[in-house]
Amino acid sequence: METNQINWEEAHTSLNENGFFVLPQVVSPEECQQLIATYDEPDAFRKTVVMERYGYGVGEYKYFNYPLPDLIQTLRTTLYESIFHVANHWSEVLKLGIDYPPTHADFITVCNKNDQNRATPLLLKYGEGGLNMLHQDLYGDVYFPLQAVAFLSEPGDDYTGGEFVLTEQIPRSQSKATVLTPKRGDILLFTTQFRPEKSKRGYYRVTMRHGVSKVHSGNRYTMGIIFHDAK
């Protein structure tokens, strides 16, 4: 894992202006393979979701148990503590009245006090025909407005199709879509539910959703890092 070379000023600017930013080559190829191998270790997970059963899409994902693997715990902590002030800026300009603490451990304490104590990091697997409908990941009353996904497979080599899709809905306007294809080892930071947009009258919310387009061939693995716990 490598985060020392990340331009956090650029990341914060992009998150504020676009609602997403790609952190290049954070997870090594060896770490990607180790995480993919974990998919077949049942004791590592608390729950498996077959997406077709719930109308979520086509594919499967598994929520990790606590304690999390060291790599995931380190990423979850490091990323949160690098972007929590973006979340606080959003809270301030949108007048949400939420003050996110500077450490992830303290934020998890807030989740636990609200009966949210189940781990939310997950591994996702999409085979040929796999896809994920547009959605938001909230899991309870307490949630962090940003999340991350680590790309464990190489587009073009391990799979084709399967682009990451972000949509934003501006009031009184049609939806705008952004399509991304990060490389293996990249981490995408993006908004959980909305981002602020400035107008002449002040700031307003731009609602955002995310999903995955249909995989045409191969297998696509990703790891989702959600910073809040679930009920």
Protein backbone atom coordinates (compact mmCIF):
# COMPACT_ATOMS: atom_id res chain seq x y z
CA MET A 1 0.00 0.00 0.00
CA GLU A 2 1.36 3.43 -0.98
CA THR A 3 -0.29 6.72 0.04
CA ASN A 4 2.75 8.96 0.54
CA GLN A 5 2.70 10.28 -3.04
CA ILE A 6 -0.96 11.27 -3.08
CA ASN A 7 -1.64 14.93 -3.86
CA TRP A 8 -4.31 15.47 -1.20
CA GLU A 9 -4.83 19.12 -2.15
CA GLU A 10 -5.75 18.03 -5.67
CA ALA A 11 -7.95 15.25 -4.25
CA HIS A 12 -9.85 17.66 -2.00
CA THR A 13 -10.41 20.10 -4.86
CA SER A 14 -11.77 17.37 -7.13
CA LEU A 15 -14.04 15.98 -4.41
CA ASN A 16 -15.49 19.44 -3.83
CA GLU A 17 -15.92 20.23 -7.52
CA ASN A 18 -16.78 16.83 -8.98
CA GLY A 19 -17.65 14.49 -6.11
CA PHE A 20 -14.88 11.99 -6.98
CA PHE A 21 -11.12 11.53 -7.36
CA VAL A 22 -8.93 8.60 -8.43
CA LEU A 23 -5.94 7.81 -6.21
CA PRO A 24 -3.48 6.05 -8.55
CA GLN A 25 -1.70 2.81 -7.69
CA VAL A 26 -2.33 2.71 -3.94
CA VAL A 27 -2.72 -1.08 -3.66
CA SER A 28 0.11 -3.24 -5.02
CA PRO A 29 -0.55 -6.12 -7.48
CA GLU A 30 0.38 -8.60 -4.73
CA GLU A 31 -2.09 -7.00 -2.31
CA CYS A 32 -4.78 -7.11 -4.99
CA GLN A 33 -4.23 -10.84 -5.45
CA GLN A 34 -4.26 -11.43 -1.70
CA LEU A 35 -7.61 -9.68 -1.38
CA ILE A 36 -9.09 -11.61 -4.31
CA ALA A 37 -7.92 -14.88 -2.68
CA THR A 38 -9.73 -13.85 0.51
CA TYR A 39 -13.04 -14.13 -1.38
CA ASP A 40 -12.98 -17.92 -0.89
CA GLU A 41 -12.33 -17.74 2.88
CA PRO A 42 -15.81 -17.96 4.48
CA ASP A 43 -14.63 -17.09 7.98
CA ALA A 44 -13.50 -13.67 6.76
CA PHE A 45 -17.07 -12.53 6.07
CA ARG A 46 -20.25 -11.93 8.03
CA LYS A 47 -22.70 -11.92 5.11
CA THR A 48 -22.95 -12.80 1.42
CA VAL A 49 -25.39 -11.00 -0.88
CA VAL A 50 -26.47 -12.46 -4.23
CA MET A 51 -27.54 -9.32 -6.05
CA GLU A 52 -30.16 -10.91 -8.32
CA ARG A 53 -32.28 -11.89 -5.31
CA TYR A 54 -32.86 -8.28 -4.33
CA GLY A 55 -32.96 -6.58 -7.72
CA TYR A 56 -29.60 -4.90 -7.08
CA GLY A 57 -28.05 -6.16 -10.29
CA VAL A 58 -26.12 -9.29 -11.28
CA GLY A 59 -23.19 -10.40 -9.15
CA GLU A 60 -22.22 -11.11 -5.58
CA TYR A 61 -20.62 -9.32 -2.68
CA LYS A 62 -19.46 -10.22 0.82
CA TYR A 63 -19.22 -8.06 3.94
CA PHE A 64 -16.10 -8.56 6.05
CA ASN A 65 -16.23 -9.55 9.71
CA TYR A 66 -14.46 -7.62 12.42
CA PRO A 67 -11.54 -7.57 12.96
CA LEU A 68 -10.82 -6.41 9.43
CA PRO A 69 -7.69 -7.55 7.57
CA ASP A 70 -4.78 -5.23 8.36
CA LEU A 71 -4.65 -3.73 4.86
CA ILE A 72 -8.34 -2.82 4.88
CA GLN A 73 -8.22 -1.42 8.40
CA THR A 74 -5.19 0.72 7.53
CA LEU A 75 -6.78 2.02 4.33
CA ARG A 76 -10.07 2.76 6.08
CA THR A 77 -8.31 4.73 8.81
CA THR A 78 -5.80 6.54 6.59
CA LEU A 79 -8.32 7.58 3.95
CA TYR A 80 -10.88 8.79 6.48
CA GLU A 81 -8.31 10.90 8.31
CA SER A 82 -7.18 12.41 4.98
CA ILE A 83 -10.65 13.53 3.88
CA PHE A 84 -12.73 14.14 7.03
CA HIS A 85 -12.24 17.92 6.67
CA VAL A 86 -13.88 17.72 3.21
CA ALA A 87 -16.90 16.15 4.92
CA ASN A 88 -16.88 18.91 7.54
CA HIS A 89 -16.70 21.57 4.80
CA TRP A 90 -19.74 20.04 3.14
CA SER A 91 -21.58 19.97 6.46
CA GLU A 92 -20.74 23.64 7.03
CA VAL A 93 -21.78 25.00 3.63
CA LEU A 94 -24.96 22.89 3.52
CA LYS A 95 -25.74 23.76 7.16
CA LEU A 96 -26.10 20.12 8.23
CA GLY A 97 -24.84 20.70 11.76
CA ILE A 98 -22.58 17.61 11.68
CA ASP A 99 -19.02 17.67 13.01
CA TYR A 100 -17.01 14.65 11.88
CA PRO A 101 -14.18 13.81 14.33
CA PRO A 102 -10.58 13.81 13.05
CA THR A 103 -9.94 10.12 13.80
CA HIS A 104 -11.79 7.18 12.33
CA ALA A 105 -11.85 5.42 15.70
CA ASP A 106 -13.83 8.31 17.17
CA PHE A 107 -16.23 8.26 14.22
CA ILE A 108 -16.84 4.53 14.74
CA THR A 109 -17.60 5.29 18.39
CA VAL A 110 -20.35 7.65 17.17
CA CYS A 111 -21.70 4.86 14.94
CA ASN A 112 -21.68 2.39 17.84
CA LYS A 113 -23.59 4.81 20.07
CA ASN A 114 -26.31 4.80 17.41
CA ASP A 115 -26.52 0.98 17.31
CA GLN A 116 -24.40 0.76 14.14
CA ASN A 117 -21.69 -1.79 14.89
CA ARG A 118 -21.49 -4.14 11.91
CA ALA A 119 -18.53 -3.92 9.51
CA THR A 120 -19.31 -2.50 6.07
CA PRO A 121 -16.09 -3.01 4.01
CA LEU A 122 -16.83 -5.61 1.33
CA LEU A 123 -15.50 -7.57 -1.62
CA LEU A 124 -17.50 -7.55 -4.83
CA LYS A 125 -17.31 -10.03 -7.71
CA TYR A 126 -18.89 -9.60 -11.14
CA GLY A 127 -18.65 -12.25 -13.83
CA GLU A 128 -19.80 -12.05 -17.43
CA GLY A 129 -23.14 -10.20 -17.51
CA GLY A 130 -22.57 -8.77 -14.03
CA LEU A 131 -23.74 -5.25 -13.22
CA ASN A 132 -24.77 -3.05 -10.31
CA MET A 133 -27.81 -0.79 -10.39
CA LEU A 134 -27.42 2.86 -9.44
CA HIS A 135 -27.62 3.22 -5.65
CA GLN A 136 -26.34 4.85 -2.45
CA ASP A 137 -24.70 3.14 0.56
CA LEU A 138 -26.13 4.57 3.80
CA TYR A 139 -26.76 1.67 6.27
CA GLY A 140 -28.14 3.81 9.10
CA ASP A 141 -28.80 7.30 10.44
CA VAL A 142 -25.06 7.96 10.89
CA TYR A 143 -23.09 7.88 7.66
CA PHE A 144 -19.97 9.46 6.20
CA PRO A 145 -20.60 11.45 2.99
CA LEU A 146 -17.62 9.93 1.16
CA GLN A 147 -16.54 6.36 0.45
CA ALA A 148 -13.93 4.49 -1.57
CA VAL A 149 -13.53 1.51 -3.86
CA ALA A 150 -10.25 -0.27 -4.61
CA PHE A 151 -9.95 -1.86 -8.04
CA LEU A 152 -8.38 -5.33 -7.78
CA SER A 153 -8.66 -6.47 -11.43
CA GLU A 154 -7.08 -4.99 -14.56
CA PRO A 155 -9.57 -3.69 -17.14
CA GLY A 156 -8.92 -5.05 -20.60
CA ASP A 157 -6.89 -7.98 -19.26
CA ASP A 158 -9.01 -9.52 -16.51
CA TYR A 159 -12.36 -8.25 -17.76
CA THR A 160 -14.05 -6.04 -20.35
CA GLY A 161 -16.98 -3.70 -19.78
CA GLY A 162 -17.78 -3.16 -16.12
CA GLU A 163 -17.16 0.59 -16.07
CA PHE A 164 -17.82 2.51 -12.86
CA VAL A 165 -20.75 4.89 -13.35
CA LEU A 166 -21.53 8.02 -11.33
CA THR A 167 -24.67 10.06 -11.92
CA GLU A 168 -25.57 13.44 -10.51
CA GLN A 169 -29.01 15.05 -10.44
CA ILE A 170 -29.00 18.84 -10.45
CA PRO A 171 -32.33 20.38 -9.41
CA ARG A 172 -34.62 21.19 -12.35
CA SER A 173 -32.20 19.54 -14.78
CA GLN A 174 -31.56 16.13 -16.33
CA SER A 175 -29.08 13.64 -14.86
CA LYS A 176 -25.40 13.78 -15.79
CA ALA A 177 -23.33 10.57 -15.99
CA THR A 178 -19.59 10.11 -15.53
CA VAL A 179 -18.01 6.80 -16.63
CA LEU A 180 -14.67 5.76 -15.13
CA THR A 181 -12.32 2.81 -15.72
CA PRO A 182 -9.66 2.90 -12.99
CA LYS A 183 -6.74 0.49 -13.26
CA ARG A 184 -5.82 -2.34 -10.92
CA GLY A 185 -4.46 -0.88 -7.69
CA ASP A 186 -6.28 2.46 -8.05
CA ILE A 187 -8.68 3.68 -5.38
CA LEU A 188 -11.67 5.81 -6.32
CA LEU A 189 -12.95 8.26 -3.71
CA PHE A 190 -16.51 9.41 -4.32
CA THR A 191 -19.56 10.83 -2.61
CA THR A 192 -21.94 8.53 -0.75
CA GLN A 193 -25.12 10.53 -1.31
CA PHE A 194 -24.57 14.14 -2.41
CA ARG A 195 -22.02 16.93 -2.82
CA PRO A 196 -22.44 20.70 -2.45
CA GLU A 197 -22.68 23.01 -5.44
CA LYS A 198 -22.43 26.78 -5.17
CA SER A 199 -24.97 29.07 -6.82
CA LYS A 200 -25.71 32.79 -6.63
CA ARG A 201 -28.02 32.07 -3.70
CA GLY A 202 -25.59 29.89 -1.79
CA TYR A 203 -24.93 26.15 -1.73
CA TYR A 204 -27.34 23.38 -2.65
CA ARG A 205 -27.16 19.58 -2.75
CA VAL A 206 -26.35 17.67 -5.92
CA THR A 207 -27.66 14.14 -5.43
CA MET A 208 -25.31 11.43 -6.70
CA ARG A 209 -25.61 7.67 -7.22
CA HIS A 210 -23.15 5.05 -8.40
CA GLY A 211 -23.21 1.68 -10.10
CA VAL A 212 -21.37 -0.65 -12.49
CA SER A 213 -22.13 -1.17 -16.18
CA LYS A 214 -22.45 -4.69 -17.59
CA VAL A 215 -19.33 -6.83 -17.63
CA HIS A 216 -18.82 -8.27 -21.13
CA SER A 217 -16.18 -10.90 -20.27
CA GLY A 218 -13.95 -12.11 -17.44
CA ASN A 219 -14.18 -11.45 -13.70
CA ARG A 220 -14.11 -8.03 -12.06
CA TYR A 221 -13.16 -7.78 -8.36
CA THR A 222 -13.30 -4.65 -6.25
CA MET A 223 -13.13 -3.84 -2.54
CA GLY A 224 -15.55 -1.28 -1.15
CA ILE A 225 -14.46 0.84 1.81
CA ILE A 226 -17.44 2.40 3.58
CA PHE A 227 -16.37 4.44 6.57
CA HIS A 228 -19.49 4.09 8.72
CA ASP A 229 -20.76 0.88 10.31
CA ALA A 230 -24.18 -0.65 9.68
CA LYS A 231 -27.13 -1.41 11.95
